[in-house]
């Protein structure tokens, strides 16, 4: 379960970091707020999709480690 929680935390940190950078950029350039949030939304989706495979691998690893049949 530790690997899965670690991957979830990495995914959460990536999403929060992306949103924080988007907020800073939107505040810095008020004329482009809509475009900045559109790009931030797209990048957030990409970050989530990039985190799915490592999360699945960690989950499988945790299940295999907890399996008493081995």
PDB file of N, CA and C in Angstrom:
ATOM      1  N   UNK A   1       0.813  -1.198   0.000  1.00  0.00           N
ATOM      2  CA  UNK A   1       0.000   0.000   0.000  1.00  0.00           C
ATOM      3  C   UNK A   1       0.857   1.263   0.000  1.00  0.00           C
ATOM      4  N   UNK A   2       2.090   1.128   0.435  1.00  0.00           N
ATOM      5  CA  UNK A   2       2.973   2.291   0.523  1.00  0.00           C
ATOM      6  C   UNK A   2       3.293   2.860  -0.843  1.00  0.00           C
ATOM      7  N   UNK A   3       3.554   1.980  -1.821  1.00  0.00           N
ATOM      8  CA  UNK A   3       3.884   2.467  -3.161  1.00  0.00           C
ATOM      9  C   UNK A   3       2.701   3.195  -3.785  1.00  0.00           C
ATOM     10  N   UNK A   4       1.524   2.666  -3.591  1.00  0.00           N
ATOM     11  CA  UNK A   4       0.329   3.297  -4.152  1.00  0.00           C
ATOM     12  C   UNK A   4       0.108   4.675  -3.541  1.00  0.00           C
ATOM     13  N   UNK A   5       0.252   4.782  -2.256  1.00  0.00           N
ATOM     14  CA  UNK A   5       0.085   6.084  -1.591  1.00  0.00           C
ATOM     15  C   UNK A   5       1.148   7.066  -2.063  1.00  0.00           C
ATOM     16  N   UNK A   6       2.372   6.587  -2.248  1.00  0.00           N
ATOM     17  CA  UNK A   6       3.443   7.450  -2.739  1.00  0.00           C
ATOM     18  C   UNK A   6       3.120   7.970  -4.132  1.00  0.00           C
ATOM     19  N   UNK A   7       2.638   7.094  -4.998  1.00  0.00           N
ATOM     20  CA  UNK A   7       2.287   7.528  -6.360  1.00  0.00           C
ATOM     21  C   UNK A   7       1.106   8.495  -6.347  1.00  0.00           C
ATOM     22  N   UNK A   8       0.133   8.249  -5.486  1.00  0.00           N
ATOM     23  CA  UNK A   8      -0.988   9.181  -5.369  1.00  0.00           C
ATOM     24  C   UNK A   8      -0.526  10.559  -4.901  1.00  0.00           C
ATOM     25  N   UNK A   9       0.409  10.567  -3.955  1.00  0.00           N
ATOM     26  CA  UNK A   9       0.952  11.849  -3.489  1.00  0.00           C
ATOM     27  C   UNK A   9       1.729  12.561  -4.596  1.00  0.00           C
ATOM     28  N   UNK A  10       2.501  11.816  -5.385  1.00  0.00           N
ATOM     29  CA  UNK A  10       3.211  12.421  -6.508  1.00  0.00           C
ATOM     30  C   UNK A  10       2.226  13.020  -7.513  1.00  0.00           C
ATOM     31  N   UNK A  11       1.156  12.288  -7.779  1.00  0.00           N
ATOM     32  CA  UNK A  11       0.138  12.781  -8.707  1.00  0.00           C
ATOM     33  C   UNK A  11      -0.529  14.036  -8.162  1.00  0.00           C
ATOM     34  N   UNK A  12      -0.857  14.028  -6.886  1.00  0.00           N
ATOM     35  CA  UNK A  12      -1.479  15.187  -6.258  1.00  0.00           C
ATOM     36  C   UNK A  12      -0.550  16.401  -6.275  1.00  0.00           C
ATOM     37  N   UNK A  13       0.718  16.173  -5.978  1.00  0.00           N
ATOM     38  CA  UNK A  13       1.689  17.271  -5.999  1.00  0.00           C
ATOM     39  C   UNK A  13       1.833  17.834  -7.410  1.00  0.00           C
ATOM     40  N   UNK A  14       1.818  16.965  -8.413  1.00  0.00           N
ATOM     41  CA  UNK A  14       1.900  17.424  -9.796  1.00  0.00           C
ATOM     42  C   UNK A  14       0.714  18.283 -10.194  1.00  0.00           C
ATOM     43  N   UNK A  15      -0.481  17.867  -9.806  1.00  0.00           N
ATOM     44  CA  UNK A  15      -1.685  18.641 -10.135  1.00  0.00           C
ATOM     45  C   UNK A  15      -1.688  19.972  -9.385  1.00  0.00           C
ATOM     46  N   UNK A  16      -1.366  19.938  -8.109  1.00  0.00           N
ATOM     47  CA  UNK A  16      -1.342  21.176  -7.315  1.00  0.00           C
ATOM     48  C   UNK A  16      -0.275  22.131  -7.853  1.00  0.00           C
ATOM     49  N   UNK A  17       0.884  21.595  -8.207  1.00  0.00           N
ATOM     50  CA  UNK A  17       1.944  22.426  -8.770  1.00  0.00           C
ATOM     51  C   UNK A  17       1.534  23.059 -10.086  1.00  0.00           C
ATOM     52  N   UNK A  18       0.876  22.288 -10.931  1.00  0.00           N
ATOM     53  CA  UNK A  18       0.400  22.808 -12.207  1.00  0.00           C
ATOM     54  C   UNK A  18      -0.610  23.933 -11.995  1.00  0.00           C
ATOM     55  N   UNK A  19      -1.540  23.719 -11.087  1.00  0.00           N
ATOM     56  CA  UNK A  19      -2.542  24.751 -10.811  1.00  0.00           C
ATOM     57  C   UNK A  19      -1.919  25.992 -10.175  1.00  0.00           C
ATOM     58  N   UNK A  20      -0.907  25.797  -9.331  1.00  0.00           N
ATOM     59  CA  UNK A  20      -0.236  26.938  -8.709  1.00  0.00           C
ATOM     60  C   UNK A  20       0.501  27.774  -9.761  1.00  0.00           C
ATOM     61  N   UNK A  21       1.194  27.103 -10.665  1.00  0.00           N
ATOM     62  CA  UNK A  21       1.893  27.838 -11.721  1.00  0.00           C
ATOM     63  C   UNK A  21       0.893  28.556 -12.614  1.00  0.00           C
ATOM     64  N   UNK A  22      -0.228  27.905 -12.923  1.00  0.00           N
ATOM     65  CA  UNK A  22      -1.262  28.553 -13.721  1.00  0.00           C
ATOM     66  C   UNK A  22      -1.828  29.787 -13.029  1.00  0.00           C
ATOM     67  N   UNK A  23      -2.038  29.695 -11.717  1.00  0.00           N
ATOM     68  CA  UNK A  23      -2.564  30.843 -10.972  1.00  0.00           C
ATOM     69  C   UNK A  23      -1.566  31.993 -10.953  1.00  0.00           C
ATOM     70  N   UNK A  24      -0.294  31.678 -10.786  1.00  0.00           N
ATOM     71  CA  UNK A  24       0.736  32.722 -10.788  1.00  0.00           C
ATOM     72  C   UNK A  24       0.799  33.392 -12.153  1.00  0.00           C
ATOM     73  N   UNK A  25       0.752  32.588 -13.206  1.00  0.00           N
ATOM     74  CA  UNK A  25       0.804  33.149 -14.565  1.00  0.00           C
ATOM     75  C   UNK A  25      -0.429  33.990 -14.862  1.00  0.00           C
ATOM     76  N   UNK A  26      -1.601  33.525 -14.441  1.00  0.00           N
ATOM     77  CA  UNK A  26      -2.825  34.285 -14.685  1.00  0.00           C
ATOM     78  C   UNK A  26      -2.816  35.621 -13.947  1.00  0.00           C
ATOM     79  N   UNK A  27      -2.214  35.614 -12.786  1.00  0.00           N
ATOM     80  CA  UNK A  27      -2.117  36.856 -12.022  1.00  0.00           C
ATOM     81  C   UNK A  27      -1.092  37.812 -12.647  1.00  0.00           C
ATOM     82  N   UNK A  28      -0.047  37.250 -13.253  1.00  0.00           N
ATOM     83  CA  UNK A  28       1.006  38.075 -13.835  1.00  0.00           C
ATOM     84  C   UNK A  28       0.573  38.708 -15.158  1.00  0.00           C
ATOM     85  N   UNK A  29      -0.279  38.005 -15.906  1.00  0.00           N
ATOM     86  CA  UNK A  29      -0.699  38.515 -17.217  1.00  0.00           C
ATOM     87  C   UNK A  29      -2.224  38.525 -17.259  1.00  0.00           C
ATOM     88  N   UNK A  30      -2.859  39.555 -16.731  1.00  0.00           N
ATOM     89  CA  UNK A  30      -4.319  39.582 -16.639  1.00  0.00           C
ATOM     90  C   UNK A  30      -5.023  39.582 -18.007  1.00  0.00           C
ATOM     91  N   UNK A  31      -4.344  40.033 -19.049  1.00  0.00           N
ATOM     92  CA  UNK A  31      -4.973  40.079 -20.375  1.00  0.00           C
ATOM     93  C   UNK A  31      -5.153  38.675 -20.967  1.00  0.00           C
ATOM     94  N   UNK A  32      -4.424  37.707 -20.483  1.00  0.00           N
ATOM     95  CA  UNK A  32      -4.456  36.364 -21.055  1.00  0.00           C
ATOM     96  C   UNK A  32      -4.982  35.323 -20.067  1.00  0.00           C
ATOM     97  N   UNK A  33      -5.847  35.746 -19.157  1.00  0.00           N
ATOM     98  CA  UNK A  33      -6.327  34.835 -18.110  1.00  0.00           C
ATOM     99  C   UNK A  33      -7.033  33.620 -18.703  1.00  0.00           C
ATOM    100  N   UNK A  34      -7.931  33.837 -19.664  1.00  0.00           N
ATOM    101  CA  UNK A  34      -8.678  32.713 -20.240  1.00  0.00           C
ATOM    102  C   UNK A  34      -7.754  31.713 -20.920  1.00  0.00           C
ATOM    103  N   UNK A  35      -6.821  32.203 -21.698  1.00  0.00           N
ATOM    104  CA  UNK A  35      -5.899  31.314 -22.404  1.00  0.00           C
ATOM    105  C   UNK A  35      -5.000  30.558 -21.429  1.00  0.00           C
ATOM    106  N   UNK A  36      -4.547  31.254 -20.400  1.00  0.00           N
ATOM    107  CA  UNK A  36      -3.684  30.605 -19.411  1.00  0.00           C
ATOM    108  C   UNK A  36      -4.431  29.476 -18.714  1.00  0.00           C
ATOM    109  N   UNK A  37      -5.691  29.701 -18.334  1.00  0.00           N
ATOM    110  CA  UNK A  37      -6.434  28.641 -17.650  1.00  0.00           C
ATOM    111  C   UNK A  37      -6.790  27.498 -18.588  1.00  0.00           C
ATOM    112  N   UNK A  38      -6.976  27.783 -19.877  1.00  0.00           N
ATOM    113  CA  UNK A  38      -7.205  26.697 -20.838  1.00  0.00           C
ATOM    114  C   UNK A  38      -5.974  25.813 -20.948  1.00  0.00           C
ATOM    115  N   UNK A  39      -4.810  26.434 -21.059  1.00  0.00           N
ATOM    116  CA  UNK A  39      -3.566  25.668 -21.135  1.00  0.00           C
ATOM    117  C   UNK A  39      -3.324  24.932 -19.824  1.00  0.00           C
ATOM    118  N   UNK A  40      -3.587  25.570 -18.703  1.00  0.00           N
ATOM    119  CA  UNK A  40      -3.408  24.927 -17.398  1.00  0.00           C
ATOM    120  C   UNK A  40      -4.310  23.708 -17.270  1.00  0.00           C
ATOM    121  N   UNK A  41      -5.540  23.825 -17.735  1.00  0.00           N
ATOM    122  CA  UNK A  41      -6.449  22.675 -17.705  1.00  0.00           C
ATOM    123  C   UNK A  41      -5.948  21.530 -18.559  1.00  0.00           C
ATOM    124  N   UNK A  42      -5.463  21.845 -19.749  1.00  0.00           N
ATOM    125  CA  UNK A  42      -4.910  20.807 -20.616  1.00  0.00           C
ATOM    126  C   UNK A  42      -3.694  20.132 -20.019  1.00  0.00           C
ATOM    127  N   UNK A  43      -2.806  20.927 -19.444  1.00  0.00           N
ATOM    128  CA  UNK A  43      -1.604  20.365 -18.824  1.00  0.00           C
ATOM    129  C   UNK A  43      -1.977  19.525 -17.605  1.00  0.00           C
ATOM    130  N   UNK A  44      -2.981  19.932 -16.852  1.00  0.00           N
ATOM    131  CA  UNK A  44      -3.430  19.160 -15.691  1.00  0.00           C
ATOM    132  C   UNK A  44      -3.940  17.790 -16.129  1.00  0.00           C
ATOM    133  N   UNK A  45      -4.693  17.762 -17.213  1.00  0.00           N
ATOM    134  CA  UNK A  45      -5.184  16.482 -17.736  1.00  0.00           C
ATOM    135  C   UNK A  45      -4.018  15.597 -18.166  1.00  0.00           C
ATOM    136  N   UNK A  46      -3.024  16.192 -18.820  1.00  0.00           N
ATOM    137  CA  UNK A  46      -1.845  15.428 -19.244  1.00  0.00           C
ATOM    138  C   UNK A  46      -1.096  14.877 -18.037  1.00  0.00           C
ATOM    139  N   UNK A  47      -0.951  15.691 -16.996  1.00  0.00           N
ATOM    140  CA  UNK A  47      -0.261  15.228 -15.781  1.00  0.00           C
ATOM    141  C   UNK A  47      -1.004  14.047 -15.166  1.00  0.00           C
ATOM    142  N   UNK A  48      -2.318  14.113 -15.141  1.00  0.00           N
ATOM    143  CA  UNK A  48      -3.112  13.006 -14.589  1.00  0.00           C
ATOM    144  C   UNK A  48      -2.930  11.751 -15.434  1.00  0.00           C
ATOM    145  N   UNK A  49      -3.014  11.890 -16.765  1.00  0.00           N
ATOM    146  CA  UNK A  49      -2.831  10.725 -17.626  1.00  0.00           C
ATOM    147  C   UNK A  49      -1.428  10.142 -17.501  1.00  0.00           C
ATOM    148  N   UNK A  50      -0.431  10.990 -17.341  1.00  0.00           N
ATOM    149  CA  UNK A  50       0.933  10.495 -17.179  1.00  0.00           C
ATOM    150  C   UNK A  50       1.123   9.758 -15.856  1.00  0.00           C
ATOM    151  N   UNK A  51       0.292  10.041 -14.867  1.00  0.00           N
ATOM    152  CA  UNK A  51       0.412   9.392 -13.573  1.00  0.00           C
ATOM    153  C   UNK A  51      -0.351   8.088 -13.461  1.00  0.00           C
ATOM    154  N   UNK A  52      -1.177   7.764 -14.459  1.00  0.00           N
ATOM    155  CA  UNK A  52      -1.997   6.551 -14.369  1.00  0.00           C
ATOM    156  C   UNK A  52      -1.145   5.294 -14.416  1.00  0.00           C
ATOM    157  N   UNK A  53      -0.216   5.203 -15.355  1.00  0.00           N
ATOM    158  CA  UNK A  53       0.596   3.983 -15.481  1.00  0.00           C
ATOM    159  C   UNK A  53       1.445   3.721 -14.233  1.00  0.00           C
ATOM    160  N   UNK A  54       2.194   4.719 -13.733  1.00  0.00           N
ATOM    161  CA  UNK A  54       2.956   4.441 -12.505  1.00  0.00           C
ATOM    162  C   UNK A  54       2.057   4.065 -11.321  1.00  0.00           C
ATOM    163  N   UNK A  55       0.869   4.650 -11.273  1.00  0.00           N
ATOM    164  CA  UNK A  55      -0.065   4.318 -10.197  1.00  0.00           C
ATOM    165  C   UNK A  55      -0.532   2.877 -10.317  1.00  0.00           C
ATOM    166  N   UNK A  56      -0.839   2.434 -11.525  1.00  0.00           N
ATOM    167  CA  UNK A  56      -1.257   1.044 -11.731  1.00  0.00           C
ATOM    168  C   UNK A  56      -0.132   0.070 -11.394  1.00  0.00           C
ATOM    169  N   UNK A  57       1.088   0.404 -11.799  1.00  0.00           N
ATOM    170  CA  UNK A  57       2.226  -0.463 -11.495  1.00  0.00           C
ATOM    171  C   UNK A  57       2.464  -0.554  -9.985  1.00  0.00           C
ATOM    172  N   UNK A  58       2.339   0.557  -9.293  1.00  0.00           N
ATOM    173  CA  UNK A  58       2.513   0.557  -7.841  1.00  0.00           C
ATOM    174  C   UNK A  58       1.417  -0.264  -7.167  1.00  0.00           C
ATOM    175  N   UNK A  59       0.200  -0.126  -7.657  1.00  0.00           N
ATOM    176  CA  UNK A  59      -0.922  -0.870  -7.092  1.00  0.00           C
ATOM    177  C   UNK A  59      -0.723  -2.373  -7.287  1.00  0.00           C
ATOM    178  N   UNK A  60      -0.290  -2.750  -8.499  1.00  0.00           N
ATOM    179  CA  UNK A  60      -0.019  -4.172  -8.748  1.00  0.00           C
ATOM    180  C   UNK A  60       1.127  -4.676  -7.880  1.00  0.00           C
ATOM    181  N   UNK A  61       2.150  -3.850  -7.710  1.00  0.00           N
ATOM    182  CA  UNK A  61       3.266  -4.242  -6.858  1.00  0.00           C
ATOM    183  C   UNK A  61       2.843  -4.433  -5.417  1.00  0.00           C
ATOM    184  N   UNK A  62       2.002  -3.552  -4.925  1.00  0.00           N
ATOM    185  CA  UNK A  62       1.506  -3.687  -3.555  1.00  0.00           C
ATOM    186  C   UNK A  62       0.642  -4.932  -3.397  1.00  0.00           C
ATOM    187  N   UNK A  63      -0.181  -5.210  -4.397  1.00  0.00           N
ATOM    188  CA  UNK A  63      -1.022  -6.412  -4.329  1.00  0.00           C
ATOM    189  C   UNK A  63      -0.177  -7.668  -4.360  1.00  0.00           C
ATOM    190  N   UNK A  64       0.862  -7.664  -5.207  1.00  0.00           N
ATOM    191  CA  UNK A  64       1.744  -8.837  -5.302  1.00  0.00           C
ATOM    192  C   UNK A  64       2.520  -9.041  -3.993  1.00  0.00           C
ATOM    193  N   UNK A  65       2.906  -7.976  -3.358  1.00  0.00           N
ATOM    194  CA  UNK A  65       3.661  -8.080  -2.098  1.00  0.00           C
ATOM    195  C   UNK A  65       2.771  -8.595  -0.969  1.00  0.00           C
ATOM    196  N   UNK A  66       1.485  -8.296  -1.039  1.00  0.00           N
ATOM    197  CA  UNK A  66       0.572  -8.702   0.018  1.00  0.00           C
ATOM    198  C   UNK A  66      -0.042 -10.085  -0.245  1.00  0.00           C
ATOM    199  N   UNK A  67       0.223 -10.643  -1.429  1.00  0.00           N
ATOM    200  CA  UNK A  67      -0.368 -11.938  -1.794  1.00  0.00           C
ATOM    201  C   UNK A  67       0.331 -13.067  -1.046  1.00  0.00           C
ATOM    202  N   UNK A  68      -0.374 -13.829  -0.206  1.00  0.00           N
ATOM    203  CA  UNK A  68       0.270 -14.881   0.590  1.00  0.00           C
ATOM    204  C   UNK A  68       0.574 -16.144  -0.242  1.00  0.00           C
ATOM    205  N   UNK A  69       0.122 -16.234  -1.479  1.00  0.00           N
ATOM    206  CA  UNK A  69       0.350 -17.441  -2.291  1.00  0.00           C
ATOM    207  C   UNK A  69       1.792 -17.570  -2.748  1.00  0.00           C
ATOM    208  N   UNK A  70       2.567 -16.500  -2.717  1.00  0.00           N
ATOM    209  CA  UNK A  70       3.939 -16.572  -3.220  1.00  0.00           C
ATOM    210  C   UNK A  70       4.898 -17.093  -2.212  1.00  0.00           C
TER     211      UNK A  70
END
